[in-house]
Protein backbone atom coordinates (compact mmCIF):
# COMPACT_ATOMS: atom_id res chain seq x y z
CA UNK A 1 133.68 -0.90 -149.92
CA UNK A 2 136.20 1.54 -149.85
CA UNK A 3 136.24 4.85 -148.07
CA UNK A 4 137.72 7.20 -150.23
CA UNK A 5 134.99 7.88 -153.12
CA UNK A 6 134.20 11.43 -152.18
CA UNK A 7 138.54 11.76 -151.54
CA UNK A 8 138.89 10.77 -155.04
CA UNK A 9 136.37 12.57 -156.84
CA UNK A 10 135.56 15.77 -154.64
CA UNK A 11 133.66 17.42 -157.85
CA UNK A 12 131.10 14.41 -158.36
CA UNK A 13 128.27 14.02 -156.39
CA UNK A 14 127.95 10.71 -154.60
CA UNK A 15 124.60 9.43 -153.63
CA UNK A 16 124.68 6.65 -150.42
CA UNK A 17 122.27 4.04 -150.07
CA UNK A 18 120.02 5.83 -152.63
CA UNK A 19 116.77 3.86 -153.50
CA UNK A 20 117.03 2.64 -156.84
CA UNK A 21 113.10 2.74 -156.90
CA UNK A 22 113.28 6.29 -157.53
CA UNK A 23 115.04 5.60 -161.07
CA UNK A 24 113.66 2.60 -162.12
CA UNK A 25 110.57 2.38 -164.63
CA UNK A 26 108.88 -0.28 -162.37
CA UNK A 27 109.07 1.93 -159.03
CA UNK A 28 110.67 -0.81 -157.11
CA UNK A 29 114.21 -1.69 -156.26
CA UNK A 30 116.47 -1.49 -153.45
CA UNK A 31 119.21 1.07 -152.12
CA UNK A 32 122.76 1.52 -154.40
CA UNK A 33 125.32 1.37 -152.09
CA UNK A 34 127.29 4.13 -153.88
CA UNK A 35 125.32 5.73 -156.79
CA UNK A 36 127.03 8.47 -159.36
CA UNK A 37 125.40 9.53 -162.55
CA UNK A 38 128.60 10.63 -164.67
CA UNK A 39 128.47 13.02 -167.68
CA UNK A 40 131.53 12.31 -169.72
CA UNK A 41 133.31 9.39 -171.25
CA UNK A 42 136.68 10.71 -168.60
CA UNK A 43 134.17 10.67 -165.62
CA UNK A 44 133.10 7.45 -166.80
CA UNK A 45 136.72 5.71 -167.09
CA UNK A 46 137.97 7.18 -163.87
CA UNK A 47 135.25 5.58 -162.02
CA UNK A 48 135.48 2.32 -163.56
CA UNK A 49 139.42 2.43 -162.85
CA UNK A 50 138.54 3.21 -159.43
CA UNK A 51 136.35 0.39 -158.91
CA UNK A 52 139.59 -1.69 -160.30
CA UNK A 53 141.71 -0.24 -157.95
CA UNK A 54 139.59 -0.59 -155.14
CA UNK A 55 138.19 -4.10 -155.92
CA UNK A 56 134.97 -2.57 -155.59
CA UNK A 57 131.99 -4.30 -157.87
CA UNK A 58 130.23 -2.42 -160.24
CA UNK A 59 127.21 -2.22 -162.27
CA UNK A 60 126.13 -0.29 -165.67
CA UNK A 61 122.56 1.20 -165.20
CA UNK A 62 121.06 2.79 -168.43
CA UNK A 63 117.21 4.37 -168.20
CA UNK A 64 116.20 0.97 -166.16
CA UNK A 65 113.14 0.57 -168.45
CA UNK A 66 113.75 -3.16 -169.11
CA UNK A 67 115.25 -3.82 -165.21
CA UNK A 68 114.41 -4.96 -162.14
CA UNK A 69 116.48 -3.87 -159.10
CA UNK A 70 115.85 -6.64 -156.13
CA UNK A 71 114.65 -5.54 -152.86
CA UNK A 72 118.37 -5.85 -151.38
CA UNK A 73 119.92 -3.24 -153.58
CA UNK A 74 122.92 -3.52 -155.44
CA UNK A 75 126.44 -3.51 -153.53
CA UNK A 76 129.35 -1.49 -154.37
CA UNK A 77 129.24 1.19 -157.02
CA UNK A 78 126.49 1.86 -159.68
CA UNK A 79 126.77 4.01 -162.38
CA UNK A 80 123.29 5.35 -164.50
CA UNK A 81 124.20 7.15 -167.48
CA UNK A 82 121.40 8.79 -168.69
CA UNK A 83 123.60 12.37 -168.25
CA UNK A 84 125.64 10.88 -171.08
CA UNK A 85 122.75 11.89 -173.75
CA UNK A 86 124.01 13.86 -176.13
CA UNK A 87 122.26 12.91 -179.75
CA UNK A 88 124.39 14.49 -183.19
CA UNK A 89 123.13 14.29 -186.71
CA UNK A 90 125.72 14.07 -189.22
CA UNK A 91 124.75 12.94 -193.22
CA UNK A 92 123.16 9.68 -192.99
CA UNK A 93 124.25 8.96 -189.59
CA UNK A 94 123.04 9.39 -186.07
CA UNK A 95 125.44 9.35 -183.26
CA UNK A 96 124.11 9.23 -179.57
CA UNK A 97 125.45 8.49 -176.11
CA UNK A 98 124.81 5.72 -173.96
CA UNK A 99 122.64 7.40 -171.97
CA UNK A 100 120.45 8.76 -174.41
CA UNK A 101 116.76 7.96 -174.67
CA UNK A 102 116.18 6.22 -177.80
CA UNK A 103 112.69 7.59 -178.36
CA UNK A 104 114.54 10.93 -178.67
CA UNK A 105 117.41 9.58 -180.63
CA UNK A 106 114.52 8.30 -183.25
CA UNK A 107 112.83 11.64 -183.13
CA UNK A 108 116.32 13.66 -184.10
CA UNK A 109 116.29 10.95 -187.04
CA UNK A 110 112.97 12.22 -188.42
CA UNK A 111 114.42 15.77 -187.54
CA UNK A 112 117.02 15.09 -189.98
CA UNK A 113 115.02 13.57 -192.72
CA UNK A 114 116.27 9.82 -192.05
CA UNK A 115 114.39 6.77 -192.22
CA UNK A 116 115.10 3.55 -190.59
CA UNK A 117 114.77 4.10 -186.63
CA UNK A 118 110.80 4.49 -186.78
CA UNK A 119 110.23 1.18 -184.94
CA UNK A 120 111.80 2.22 -182.02
CA UNK A 121 109.96 5.17 -181.92
CA UNK A 122 108.03 4.05 -178.59
CA UNK A 123 110.93 2.07 -177.33
CA UNK A 124 111.79 3.86 -173.75
CA UNK A 125 114.92 2.64 -172.72
CA UNK A 126 118.05 4.12 -173.35
CA UNK A 127 120.79 3.48 -176.18
CA UNK A 128 123.37 1.68 -174.15
CA UNK A 129 120.40 -0.75 -173.18
CA UNK A 130 118.94 -0.98 -176.35
CA UNK A 131 122.77 -2.13 -178.13
CA UNK A 132 122.88 -4.40 -174.93
CA UNK A 133 119.88 -6.65 -175.53
CA UNK A 134 119.23 -5.83 -179.39
CA UNK A 135 116.13 -3.67 -178.77
CA UNK A 136 113.62 -4.18 -181.09
CA UNK A 137 109.39 -4.12 -182.10
CA UNK A 138 107.36 -3.95 -185.11
CA UNK A 139 109.71 -6.30 -187.40
CA UNK A 140 112.53 -3.73 -186.70
CA UNK A 141 116.03 -4.54 -184.60
CA UNK A 142 119.01 -2.39 -183.80
CA UNK A 143 120.95 -4.62 -184.83
CA UNK A 144 119.79 -3.87 -188.58
CA UNK A 145 120.82 -0.10 -188.28
CA UNK A 146 123.78 0.13 -185.98
CA UNK A 147 127.14 0.63 -187.87
CA UNK A 148 129.83 0.74 -184.62
CA UNK A 149 129.31 1.11 -181.02
CA UNK A 150 132.07 2.60 -178.87
CA UNK A 151 132.95 0.58 -175.44
CA UNK A 152 134.54 0.80 -172.30
CA UNK A 153 135.82 -2.74 -171.06
CA UNK A 154 136.44 -3.44 -167.43
CA UNK A 155 140.15 -3.45 -168.08
CA UNK A 156 139.67 0.44 -169.02
CA UNK A 157 140.26 0.35 -172.64
CA UNK A 158 138.09 2.09 -175.16
CA UNK A 159 137.34 0.31 -178.25
CA UNK A 160 135.15 0.36 -181.49
CA UNK A 161 132.96 -2.25 -182.29
CA UNK A 162 131.62 -2.89 -185.76
CA UNK A 163 128.29 -4.39 -186.28
CA UNK A 164 129.75 -7.84 -186.71
CA UNK A 165 132.13 -7.54 -183.68
CA UNK A 166 128.65 -7.07 -181.38
CA UNK A 167 127.58 -10.37 -182.65
CA UNK A 168 123.74 -9.56 -182.37
CA UNK A 169 121.14 -12.05 -181.98
CA UNK A 170 117.51 -11.83 -180.43
CA UNK A 171 117.52 -10.01 -177.22
CA UNK A 172 121.83 -10.62 -177.33
CA UNK A 173 124.79 -8.54 -178.19
CA UNK A 174 128.74 -9.46 -177.26
CA UNK A 175 128.49 -6.37 -175.07
CA UNK A 176 126.79 -8.95 -172.53
CA UNK A 177 129.18 -11.42 -172.74
CA UNK A 178 131.98 -9.42 -171.84
CA UNK A 179 130.45 -6.79 -169.97
CA UNK A 180 131.50 -3.87 -171.78
CA UNK A 181 130.20 -0.35 -170.86
CA UNK A 182 128.95 1.08 -174.12
CA UNK A 183 129.66 4.54 -174.34
CA UNK A 184 127.87 5.60 -177.62
CA UNK A 185 126.76 4.38 -180.98
CA UNK A 186 126.46 5.15 -184.44
CA UNK A 187 123.41 4.22 -186.82
CA UNK A 188 123.76 4.46 -190.35
CA UNK A 189 120.13 5.09 -192.16
CA UNK A 190 119.13 6.70 -195.69
CA UNK A 191 117.06 9.75 -196.47
CA UNK A 192 113.76 9.35 -196.31
CA UNK A 193 110.44 11.48 -196.78
CA UNK A 194 109.79 13.00 -193.37
CA UNK A 195 105.73 13.17 -193.96
CA UNK A 196 106.10 9.06 -194.45
CA UNK A 197 108.43 8.68 -190.90
CA UNK A 198 106.50 10.86 -188.96
CA UNK A 199 103.19 9.37 -190.16
CA UNK A 200 104.75 5.72 -189.30
CA UNK A 201 106.37 6.80 -185.82
CA UNK A 202 102.71 8.11 -185.01
CA UNK A 203 101.10 4.98 -186.25
CA UNK A 204 103.80 2.67 -184.42
CA UNK A 205 103.05 4.75 -180.69
CA UNK A 206 99.12 4.52 -181.43
CA UNK A 207 99.48 0.97 -181.94
CA UNK A 208 101.80 0.56 -178.89
CA UNK A 209 99.45 2.97 -176.53
CA UNK A 210 96.27 0.78 -177.28
CA UNK A 211 97.69 -2.56 -176.54
CA UNK A 212 100.20 -1.90 -174.05
CA UNK A 213 99.34 -0.60 -170.53
CA UNK A 214 101.50 2.67 -170.60
CA UNK A 215 99.20 4.15 -167.83
CA UNK A 216 101.02 1.94 -165.33
CA UNK A 217 104.94 1.52 -163.99
CA UNK A 218 105.83 -1.41 -165.64
CA UNK A 219 109.25 -2.81 -166.98
CA UNK A 220 108.14 -3.59 -170.32
CA UNK A 221 108.59 -7.15 -171.97
CA UNK A 222 108.83 -9.23 -169.51
CA UNK A 223 109.65 -12.64 -171.10
CA UNK A 224 111.64 -13.55 -174.60
CA UNK A 225 109.32 -15.07 -177.23
CA UNK A 226 109.68 -18.90 -176.93
CA UNK A 227 110.30 -20.56 -180.80
CA UNK A 228 106.90 -20.79 -182.33
CA UNK A 229 104.86 -19.39 -179.67
CA UNK A 230 103.34 -15.82 -178.62
CA UNK A 231 104.43 -15.25 -175.46
CA UNK A 232 101.29 -12.95 -174.39
CA UNK A 233 98.85 -15.61 -175.87
CA UNK A 234 100.29 -18.39 -173.66
CA UNK A 235 99.81 -16.16 -170.41
CA UNK A 236 96.24 -14.87 -171.63
CA UNK A 237 95.42 -18.98 -172.29
CA UNK A 238 96.58 -19.93 -169.13
CA UNK A 239 94.07 -17.46 -167.29
CA UNK A 240 96.95 -15.71 -166.06
CA UNK A 241 95.94 -12.22 -166.80
CA UNK A 242 95.05 -10.17 -163.98
CA UNK A 243 97.12 -12.46 -161.24
CA UNK A 244 98.28 -10.55 -158.36
CA UNK A 245 100.61 -10.36 -156.13
CA UNK A 246 101.48 -7.81 -153.91
CA UNK A 247 101.37 -4.52 -155.88
CA UNK A 248 102.76 -6.40 -159.11
CA UNK A 249 100.01 -7.90 -161.60
CA UNK A 250 99.69 -9.01 -164.94
CA UNK A 251 98.58 -6.52 -167.25
CA UNK A 252 94.74 -7.36 -168.48
CA UNK A 253 95.53 -5.30 -171.35
CA UNK A 254 98.57 -7.28 -172.53
CA UNK A 255 99.91 -10.35 -170.84
CA UNK A 256 103.03 -10.14 -171.44
CA UNK A 257 103.42 -7.23 -169.19
CA UNK A 258 103.90 -7.01 -165.37
CA UNK A 259 102.53 -4.16 -163.90
CA UNK A 260 102.82 -2.13 -160.69
CA UNK A 261 99.53 -1.36 -159.50
CA UNK A 262 100.33 0.40 -156.60
CA UNK A 263 103.03 -0.56 -153.79
CA UNK A 264 104.91 -3.07 -155.68
CA UNK A 265 108.13 -3.95 -154.13
CA UNK A 266 110.57 -6.57 -156.74
CA UNK A 267 109.64 -9.38 -154.81
CA UNK A 268 106.46 -8.84 -155.79
CA UNK A 269 107.40 -9.16 -159.45
CA UNK A 270 109.99 -11.71 -158.97
CA UNK A 271 106.89 -13.84 -157.54
CA UNK A 272 104.82 -13.19 -160.50
CA UNK A 273 107.59 -13.87 -162.95
CA UNK A 274 107.90 -17.48 -161.22
CA UNK A 275 104.22 -18.06 -160.99
CA UNK A 276 104.08 -17.45 -164.76
CA UNK A 277 106.69 -19.22 -165.53
CA UNK A 278 105.64 -22.63 -163.50
CA UNK A 279 101.66 -21.94 -164.98
CA UNK A 280 102.80 -21.65 -168.45
CA UNK A 281 105.38 -24.59 -168.13
CA UNK A 282 102.57 -26.99 -166.35
CA UNK A 283 100.13 -26.36 -168.98
CA UNK A 284 101.82 -26.32 -172.38
CA UNK A 285 105.32 -27.51 -171.46
CA UNK A 286 106.58 -24.49 -172.98
CA UNK A 287 109.73 -22.60 -170.76
CA UNK A 288 109.17 -18.98 -170.81
CA UNK A 289 113.18 -17.20 -170.37
CA UNK A 290 113.15 -13.84 -168.84
CA UNK A 291 113.98 -10.83 -171.11
CA UNK A 292 113.99 -7.97 -168.25
CA UNK A 293 117.39 -7.79 -166.45
CA UNK A 294 116.84 -9.11 -163.05
CA UNK A 295 120.26 -7.69 -160.89
CA UNK A 296 120.73 -7.15 -157.31
CA UNK A 297 120.69 -8.63 -154.25
CA UNK A 298 117.72 -10.42 -152.35
CA UNK A 299 116.33 -8.25 -149.28
């Protein structure tokens, strides 16, 4: 690791050996060697170029909601983009920075009288993460409302990608394939009735609260939906609800969630994930793939 990041960026706050459990929704995760919260596209590009020039590994994180960081932490430089969080409404478009909360973006669309983002009203991720994995819920997906995305390539080039360029699929976008850094996204929406928009958002939030264990730290939906099956139903029928390893537990409220019931480590989470996968495979012959992004080193 290059020793001169403080010299290169004297005006930025550089955290060293910072526990990522302070920032992840699961409240687990080991330390980042170097952690920075860039506040602009310019700062993000400068940090990326420094990483390239010094041959330092670079990891990008958004809201850390659908993420597990292993207990060994992350080597090199980690950027958390949540300070890049501007949201603008322009006509029938909403333009949001990568670090903006998806929930806040849906609120801004509502305030602008725009419909199309209601499905995302309760999704806890950032705009960057939502683009990265084509986030979706309640029959809606990000791919259905995004017109273009501004990205920073790992070579330091800023590009504008349209919806077709992003090659959206189920929990997939081309951002994953090329390791681009999402900087902002533009959502093309439609004028709507504010009362109806609010009612739909409230309805979905009530539904989410009634079915999901929002009172506990979690990484959201852990597994992708296998073709022809419902993940939660498989896990429930396998008798796995309540299965616990350390402080990580398959939720009794929603079998597709693994919650931190107190003092969980990322290793506890991984143990539960592996047990669920093995049990469902053995009982039903179905291979569950993780939807949650898993990064970092083993301890």
